Amino acid sequence: MELALYFPPGRGYYAGPGARARTQDYYTSPAAHPAFGAAIAILLRSMWRALGRPAPFVAVELGAGGGLLARDAVDYAAGLDGDFSAALEYEALELGERAPRAVTGCVLSNELVDAMPVARYRVAGGRVMEVFVGVDGAGALCEVLSEPVTRAVAARFGRGDHGLPEGARGEVREGVGPWMERVAGILGRGFVLTIDYGGTAQELRSRSAGTLQTHYRHVGGLSPYQNVGAQDITAHVDFTEVASEGARSGLRPLGLVTQREMLGRCGIDRISAQLRQTLPRGRDLAANIRGVEGLTRPDGLGGFRALLQERETGIESLDRVWPAPPDLERLPAPPVLGPAHLRLADGGAWPAHLEVDSLWPADEPG
């Protein structure tokens, strides 16, 4: 998975010279509607106030891609509060870029952790076996089951009493710990906001088919052993692991909520109402409303999770981080779809996430 996604010198899905725009293969919240960036700006302002209005207040977005979320958030922040806009410094970085250190502010990411490589396992003959990639007699990639050697898999199931049913599958990420160490190294005081699809360890454990997914031109469920380097490969995020690894690095979890709840707390309904009042009836209004609604659909982007963590803030609960109702009464003019956003009302459709193991066969251990 790491080779397929990041292999240098430029053949991986994310590392290729002219890597495809992500919206050719799947939709992201920033592309769905700029209201997502607006809500993030509103949340950042609330964090800034909770920290005592520091200047500068630095927002570091990791895995920023083309910078769409950054542009939307900064544009909307300019109309929120003169003091906040002047204090805000937004750093939009890709994975390999050097980040500032010991900042006061927020480190955020959107759909980044899911693309970190995973090791896979499967229960066969009552034992947890690691799933490796081999080459069959015809030269094609295939799966091979063997004793776990990846440290994270061996550590999770080393005692043998796994309690999983025969045939159960799953994934383990080794990169979460180092990732949290990097985030902690960036943040001196403030918050961490991690948005992605996934769930708690208990929720993911109940998904006996595993959560590995592929995305290729809005088609999900293709084998990860085809279109290698040309399609996305992801797996759901174990937010219990993210929270625990963050705690090891001094990042205290404040809470895990759905994207639907986070956006609701940050004024998405108010923005939607403003759009209905501002735009004339027609295709533009329909496209904008559908984009905003897509952000909160519980069976789609709204079902994503948002984990908030803090460091050296003295804040004990999420209630002190969310914007207060009066903060949502006087908002700037609502943002509208631009050339960089999708227009789903013109013929697009929200995709369903498919788990690939239900659609392509795996080799039996031999």
Protein backbone atom coordinates (compact mmCIF):
# COMPACT_ATOMS: atom_id res chain seq x y z
CA MET A 1 0.00 0.00 0.00
CA GLU A 2 2.83 2.40 0.78
CA LEU A 3 4.50 1.64 -2.55
CA ALA A 4 1.24 2.00 -4.47
CA LEU A 5 0.42 5.36 -2.92
CA TYR A 6 3.76 7.06 -2.30
CA PHE A 7 6.50 5.25 -4.22
CA PRO A 8 9.26 7.62 -5.42
CA PRO A 9 10.42 8.86 -7.84
CA GLY A 10 6.89 9.65 -8.83
CA ARG A 11 4.93 6.52 -9.67
CA GLY A 12 2.59 6.33 -6.70
CA TYR A 13 -0.98 7.57 -6.56
CA TYR A 14 -0.10 10.58 -4.42
CA ALA A 15 3.50 10.99 -5.56
CA GLY A 16 3.25 10.76 -9.34
CA PRO A 17 4.37 13.64 -11.54
CA GLY A 18 0.91 15.05 -12.40
CA ALA A 19 -0.96 13.02 -9.81
CA ARG A 20 -4.64 13.16 -10.62
CA ALA A 21 -6.94 15.60 -8.90
CA ARG A 22 -8.56 13.71 -6.05
CA THR A 23 -12.05 14.72 -7.14
CA GLN A 24 -11.63 12.53 -10.23
CA ASP A 25 -11.77 9.51 -7.96
CA TYR A 26 -13.76 10.52 -4.87
CA TYR A 27 -15.40 13.51 -3.26
CA THR A 28 -14.04 15.41 -0.28
CA SER A 29 -15.84 17.82 2.01
CA PRO A 30 -13.92 20.94 0.88
CA ALA A 31 -14.82 20.15 -2.75
CA ALA A 32 -18.48 19.55 -1.93
CA HIS A 33 -19.09 23.13 -0.81
CA PRO A 34 -17.10 26.09 0.61
CA ALA A 35 -19.46 26.04 3.60
CA PHE A 36 -17.15 23.35 4.96
CA GLY A 37 -14.23 25.79 5.00
CA ALA A 38 -16.50 28.47 6.43
CA ALA A 39 -17.50 26.21 9.32
CA ILE A 40 -13.85 25.39 9.98
CA ALA A 41 -13.09 29.13 10.08
CA ILE A 42 -15.90 29.63 12.61
CA LEU A 43 -14.48 26.80 14.73
CA LEU A 44 -10.95 28.23 14.52
CA ARG A 45 -12.26 31.60 15.71
CA SER A 46 -13.89 29.88 18.68
CA MET A 47 -10.61 28.13 19.49
CA TRP A 48 -8.79 31.47 19.24
CA ARG A 49 -11.19 33.00 21.73
CA ALA A 50 -10.88 30.01 24.07
CA LEU A 51 -7.10 30.49 24.09
CA GLY A 52 -7.40 34.17 25.04
CA ARG A 53 -7.14 35.66 21.52
CA PRO A 54 -3.42 35.04 20.90
CA ALA A 55 -1.61 36.72 18.02
CA PRO A 56 -0.55 34.99 15.97
CA PHE A 57 -3.02 32.13 16.02
CA VAL A 58 -1.51 29.52 13.69
CA ALA A 59 -3.62 26.93 11.88
CA VAL A 60 -1.44 24.20 10.39
CA GLU A 61 -3.24 21.98 7.89
CA LEU A 62 -1.33 18.80 7.11
CA GLY A 63 -2.00 16.96 3.86
CA ALA A 64 -3.59 20.08 2.38
CA GLY A 65 -3.47 18.88 -1.23
CA GLY A 66 -4.42 21.69 -3.58
CA GLY A 67 -5.22 24.02 -0.70
CA LEU A 68 -8.97 24.31 -1.30
CA LEU A 69 -9.89 24.05 2.39
CA ALA A 70 -7.23 26.60 3.26
CA ARG A 71 -8.50 29.11 0.70
CA ASP A 72 -12.14 28.72 1.73
CA ALA A 73 -11.38 29.00 5.44
CA VAL A 74 -9.14 32.06 5.08
CA ASP A 75 -11.56 33.80 2.72
CA TYR A 76 -14.46 33.34 5.13
CA ALA A 77 -12.35 34.25 8.18
CA ALA A 78 -11.69 37.66 6.64
CA GLY A 79 -15.33 38.57 7.19
CA LEU A 80 -15.74 37.11 10.66
CA ASP A 81 -13.78 39.35 12.98
CA GLY A 82 -11.09 41.89 12.19
CA ASP A 83 -8.94 40.93 15.17
CA PHE A 84 -9.25 37.21 14.41
CA SER A 85 -8.49 37.64 10.71
CA ALA A 86 -5.40 39.70 11.57
CA ALA A 87 -4.21 37.09 14.08
CA LEU A 88 -4.83 34.05 11.85
CA GLU A 89 -1.84 32.53 10.08
CA TYR A 90 -2.83 29.53 7.98
CA GLU A 91 -0.13 27.08 6.92
CA ALA A 92 -1.30 24.63 4.23
CA LEU A 93 1.30 21.87 3.97
CA GLU A 94 1.73 18.60 2.15
CA LEU A 95 3.10 15.55 3.94
CA GLY A 96 6.78 16.07 3.21
CA GLU A 97 6.90 19.81 3.84
CA ARG A 98 8.52 21.26 6.94
CA ALA A 99 6.03 22.56 9.49
CA PRO A 100 6.48 25.30 12.11
CA ARG A 101 7.03 24.10 15.63
CA ALA A 102 5.59 24.91 19.06
CA VAL A 103 2.81 27.03 17.57
CA THR A 104 -0.18 28.38 19.45
CA GLY A 105 -3.29 27.48 17.48
CA CYS A 106 -4.62 24.34 15.81
CA VAL A 107 -3.18 21.45 13.80
CA LEU A 108 -5.85 20.05 11.51
CA SER A 109 -6.23 17.42 8.84
CA ASN A 110 -9.07 16.24 6.63
CA GLU A 111 -9.10 12.72 5.18
CA LEU A 112 -5.40 12.23 5.74
CA VAL A 113 -5.02 9.42 8.28
CA ASP A 114 -7.16 7.02 6.20
CA ALA A 115 -4.47 7.08 3.49
CA MET A 116 -1.70 5.99 5.85
CA PRO A 117 -0.57 2.46 4.90
CA VAL A 118 -2.06 -0.46 6.80
CA ALA A 119 -1.10 -4.04 7.49
CA ARG A 120 -3.97 -6.50 7.02
CA TYR A 121 -4.94 -9.61 8.97
CA ARG A 122 -7.40 -12.45 8.63
CA VAL A 123 -8.53 -15.20 10.98
CA ALA A 124 -7.86 -18.60 9.39
CA GLY A 125 -8.06 -21.89 11.26
CA GLY A 126 -8.78 -19.99 14.46
CA ARG A 127 -5.50 -18.07 14.26
CA VAL A 128 -4.80 -14.47 13.29
CA MET A 129 -2.70 -14.50 10.14
CA GLU A 130 -1.14 -11.52 8.42
CA VAL A 131 -2.11 -10.89 4.79
CA PHE A 132 0.93 -10.43 2.59
CA VAL A 133 1.20 -9.66 -1.13
CA GLY A 134 2.88 -12.21 -3.36
CA VAL A 135 3.15 -13.09 -7.05
CA ASP A 136 1.42 -16.15 -8.48
CA GLY A 137 2.63 -18.44 -11.25
CA ALA A 138 1.16 -16.16 -13.91
CA GLY A 139 3.02 -13.14 -12.58
CA ALA A 140 -0.06 -11.52 -11.05
CA LEU A 141 -0.25 -10.09 -7.54
CA CYS A 142 -1.99 -12.34 -5.04
CA GLU A 143 -2.53 -12.66 -1.29
CA VAL A 144 -0.50 -14.94 0.95
CA LEU A 145 -1.39 -15.67 4.59
CA SER A 146 1.40 -16.24 7.10
CA GLU A 147 2.33 -15.70 10.72
CA PRO A 148 2.28 -11.99 11.68
CA VAL A 149 5.60 -10.23 11.39
CA THR A 150 4.46 -6.62 11.28
CA ARG A 151 5.00 -5.27 14.77
CA ALA A 152 1.57 -3.67 15.12
CA VAL A 153 -0.27 -6.86 14.12
CA ALA A 154 1.87 -9.06 16.35
CA ALA A 155 1.43 -6.70 19.29
CA ARG A 156 -2.33 -6.56 18.94
CA PHE A 157 -2.84 -10.32 18.67
CA GLY A 158 0.29 -11.72 20.27
CA ARG A 159 -1.55 -13.45 23.13
CA GLY A 160 -3.64 -15.56 20.77
CA ASP A 161 -7.00 -14.95 22.49
CA HIS A 162 -8.37 -12.63 19.83
CA GLY A 163 -12.11 -13.39 20.16
CA LEU A 164 -12.70 -12.91 16.43
CA PRO A 165 -14.86 -15.20 14.27
CA GLU A 166 -13.37 -17.40 11.57
CA GLY A 167 -12.70 -15.43 8.41
CA ALA A 168 -12.76 -12.04 10.15
CA ARG A 169 -10.58 -9.41 8.51
CA GLY A 170 -9.15 -6.11 9.61
CA GLU A 171 -6.34 -3.61 9.37
CA VAL A 172 -3.70 -2.13 11.65
CA ARG A 173 -1.73 1.11 11.13
CA GLU A 174 1.82 1.39 12.37
CA GLY A 175 2.12 5.05 11.39
CA VAL A 176 -0.36 6.51 13.88
CA GLY A 177 2.13 6.77 16.75
CA PRO A 178 4.82 8.58 14.73
CA TRP A 179 2.11 10.75 13.20
CA MET A 180 0.88 11.86 16.61
CA GLU A 181 4.47 12.54 17.68
CA ARG A 182 4.87 14.83 14.68
CA VAL A 183 1.63 16.65 15.42
CA ALA A 184 2.64 17.10 19.06
CA GLY A 185 5.96 18.51 17.90
CA ILE A 186 4.14 21.17 15.89
CA LEU A 187 1.68 22.20 18.60
CA GLY A 188 2.91 24.09 21.64
CA ARG A 189 -0.50 25.12 22.94
CA GLY A 190 -3.91 24.67 21.41
CA PHE A 191 -5.94 22.05 19.62
CA VAL A 192 -5.76 19.18 17.16
CA LEU A 193 -8.68 18.55 14.79
CA THR A 194 -8.65 15.26 12.88
CA ILE A 195 -11.50 14.65 10.41
CA ASP A 196 -11.83 11.34 8.61
CA TYR A 197 -14.05 8.33 8.11
CA GLY A 198 -13.77 5.59 10.68
CA GLY A 199 -14.92 4.83 14.19
CA THR A 200 -13.91 3.57 17.59
CA ALA A 201 -11.93 0.36 18.02
CA GLN A 202 -15.09 -1.43 19.15
CA GLU A 203 -17.04 -0.23 16.11
CA LEU A 204 -14.35 -1.29 13.67
CA ARG A 205 -13.87 -4.66 15.38
CA SER A 206 -17.51 -5.46 14.63
CA ARG A 207 -16.89 -5.05 10.89
CA SER A 208 -15.75 -8.60 10.22
CA ALA A 209 -15.13 -7.94 6.51
CA GLY A 210 -12.54 -5.25 7.23
CA THR A 211 -12.62 -1.72 5.92
CA LEU A 212 -10.09 -1.56 3.09
CA GLN A 213 -11.45 0.51 0.20
CA THR A 214 -10.36 1.62 -3.25
CA HIS A 215 -11.53 4.61 -5.28
CA TYR A 216 -11.04 4.94 -9.02
CA ARG A 217 -13.06 7.46 -11.02
CA HIS A 218 -15.83 7.34 -8.42
CA VAL A 219 -15.99 3.53 -8.56
CA GLY A 220 -15.38 1.77 -5.27
CA GLY A 221 -14.72 -1.88 -4.58
CA LEU A 222 -12.04 -2.67 -7.16
CA SER A 223 -9.22 -4.98 -6.15
CA PRO A 224 -6.23 -3.12 -4.69
CA TYR A 225 -4.06 -5.35 -6.90
CA GLN A 226 -5.24 -3.69 -10.10
CA ASN A 227 -4.66 -0.12 -11.29
CA VAL A 228 -1.69 -0.09 -8.92
CA GLY A 229 -0.47 3.48 -8.52
CA ALA A 230 -3.50 4.83 -10.38
CA GLN A 231 -6.23 4.29 -7.78
CA ASP A 232 -6.63 5.34 -4.18
CA ILE A 233 -6.40 2.76 -1.39
CA THR A 234 -7.67 3.60 2.08
CA ALA A 235 -8.97 2.02 5.27
CA HIS A 236 -11.16 3.36 8.06
CA VAL A 237 -9.46 5.23 10.89
CA ASP A 238 -9.37 3.74 14.38
CA PHE A 239 -10.01 6.89 16.39
CA THR A 240 -9.48 5.04 19.68
CA GLU A 241 -5.91 4.40 18.54
CA VAL A 242 -5.45 8.01 17.38
CA ALA A 243 -6.63 9.28 20.77
CA SER A 244 -4.47 6.88 22.78
CA GLU A 245 -1.34 7.49 20.69
CA GLY A 246 -1.95 11.21 20.95
CA ALA A 247 -2.19 10.93 24.72
CA ARG A 248 1.25 9.29 24.73
CA SER A 249 2.57 12.45 23.07
CA GLY A 250 0.83 14.86 25.44
CA LEU A 251 -2.37 15.47 23.45
CA ARG A 252 -5.44 15.02 25.63
CA PRO A 253 -8.66 13.95 23.86
CA LEU A 254 -11.66 16.24 24.29
CA GLY A 255 -14.18 14.24 22.32
CA LEU A 256 -15.17 12.40 19.17
CA VAL A 257 -18.22 13.58 17.23
CA THR A 258 -19.67 13.11 13.78
CA GLN A 259 -18.96 15.64 11.06
CA ARG A 260 -22.69 16.32 11.03
CA GLU A 261 -22.58 17.40 14.70
CA MET A 262 -19.38 19.42 14.28
CA LEU A 263 -20.76 21.38 11.32
CA GLY A 264 -24.10 21.85 13.08
CA ARG A 265 -22.31 23.34 16.08
CA CYS A 266 -20.39 25.64 13.73
CA GLY A 267 -23.34 27.20 11.94
CA ILE A 268 -23.90 25.06 8.84
CA ASP A 269 -27.69 25.39 9.16
CA ARG A 270 -27.38 29.16 9.39
CA ILE A 271 -25.21 29.22 6.26
CA SER A 272 -27.74 27.06 4.42
CA ALA A 273 -30.55 29.42 5.39
CA GLN A 274 -28.51 32.39 4.18
CA LEU A 275 -28.00 30.71 0.80
CA ARG A 276 -31.74 30.20 0.42
CA GLN A 277 -32.31 33.87 1.20
CA THR A 278 -29.50 35.17 -1.00
CA LEU A 279 -29.55 33.12 -4.20
CA PRO A 280 -32.46 33.24 -6.64
CA ARG A 281 -34.30 30.02 -7.33
CA GLY A 282 -32.68 27.99 -10.07
CA ARG A 283 -29.75 25.72 -10.78
CA ASP A 284 -27.25 27.75 -8.76
CA LEU A 285 -29.38 27.56 -5.64
CA ALA A 286 -30.06 23.85 -6.18
CA ALA A 287 -26.35 23.10 -6.64
CA ASN A 288 -25.36 25.05 -3.54
CA ILE A 289 -28.05 23.55 -1.34
CA ARG A 290 -27.22 20.04 -2.48
CA GLY A 291 -23.55 20.64 -1.78
CA VAL A 292 -24.24 21.84 1.76
CA GLU A 293 -26.66 18.99 2.43
CA GLY A 294 -24.05 16.50 1.26
CA LEU A 295 -21.70 17.69 3.99
CA THR A 296 -24.10 16.55 6.70
CA ARG A 297 -25.70 13.42 5.25
CA PRO A 298 -25.37 10.75 7.97
CA ASP A 299 -24.87 8.03 5.33
CA GLY A 300 -22.12 10.05 3.63
CA LEU A 301 -19.77 12.85 4.60
CA GLY A 302 -21.87 13.72 7.64
CA GLY A 303 -21.06 10.31 9.09
CA PHE A 304 -17.34 11.05 9.12
CA ARG A 305 -15.81 11.61 12.55
CA ALA A 306 -14.03 14.60 14.04
CA LEU A 307 -11.63 14.06 16.94
CA LEU A 308 -10.59 17.07 19.00
CA GLN A 309 -7.54 16.98 21.24
CA GLU A 310 -5.90 19.71 23.29
CA ARG A 311 -2.53 20.61 24.71
CA GLU A 312 -1.81 23.04 27.54
CA THR A 313 -5.17 24.81 27.22
CA GLY A 314 -6.78 24.00 30.56
CA ILE A 315 -10.00 23.22 28.70
CA GLU A 316 -11.83 20.15 29.98
CA SER A 317 -14.78 19.71 27.60
CA LEU A 318 -15.90 20.29 24.03
CA ASP A 319 -18.58 22.72 25.20
CA ARG A 320 -15.86 25.31 25.76
CA VAL A 321 -14.56 24.84 22.22
CA TRP A 322 -17.79 25.07 20.24
CA PRO A 323 -18.98 28.52 19.14
CA ALA A 324 -21.61 30.05 21.43
CA PRO A 325 -25.05 30.60 19.83
CA PRO A 326 -24.57 34.41 19.73
CA ASP A 327 -21.43 33.86 17.64
CA LEU A 328 -23.59 32.36 14.90
CA GLU A 329 -26.14 35.16 14.71
CA ARG A 330 -24.07 37.63 12.70
CA LEU A 331 -22.21 35.74 10.03
CA PRO A 332 -20.76 37.11 6.78
CA ALA A 333 -22.48 36.55 3.44
CA PRO A 334 -22.60 32.82 2.71
CA PRO A 335 -19.91 31.33 0.48
CA VAL A 336 -21.04 29.91 -2.87
CA LEU A 337 -19.70 27.25 -5.17
CA GLY A 338 -16.73 28.32 -7.26
CA PRO A 339 -14.81 26.78 -10.19
CA ALA A 340 -12.79 24.53 -7.84
CA HIS A 341 -15.88 23.00 -6.23
CA LEU A 342 -18.22 20.28 -7.44
CA ARG A 343 -21.70 20.97 -8.78
CA LEU A 344 -23.55 17.78 -7.94
CA ALA A 345 -26.94 19.12 -8.99
CA ASP A 346 -25.63 19.19 -12.57
CA GLY A 347 -25.52 15.42 -12.75
CA GLY A 348 -23.13 14.22 -10.06
CA ALA A 349 -24.07 11.78 -7.33
CA TRP A 350 -22.81 11.10 -3.85
CA PRO A 351 -20.91 7.81 -3.87
CA ALA A 352 -21.42 4.94 -1.47
CA HIS A 353 -18.38 3.55 0.32
CA LEU A 354 -17.83 -0.11 -0.57
CA GLU A 355 -15.58 -2.58 1.19
CA VAL A 356 -13.48 -4.30 -1.46
CA ASP A 357 -13.44 -7.71 0.22
CA SER A 358 -17.09 -8.25 -0.70
CA LEU A 359 -16.35 -7.81 -4.39
CA TRP A 360 -13.05 -9.53 -5.10
CA PRO A 361 -11.80 -12.94 -3.96
CA ALA A 362 -8.84 -13.58 -1.70
CA ASP A 363 -6.60 -16.59 -2.02
CA GLU A 364 -6.96 -19.25 0.63
CA PRO A 365 -3.88 -20.07 2.68
CA GLY A 366 -1.86 -22.76 1.06
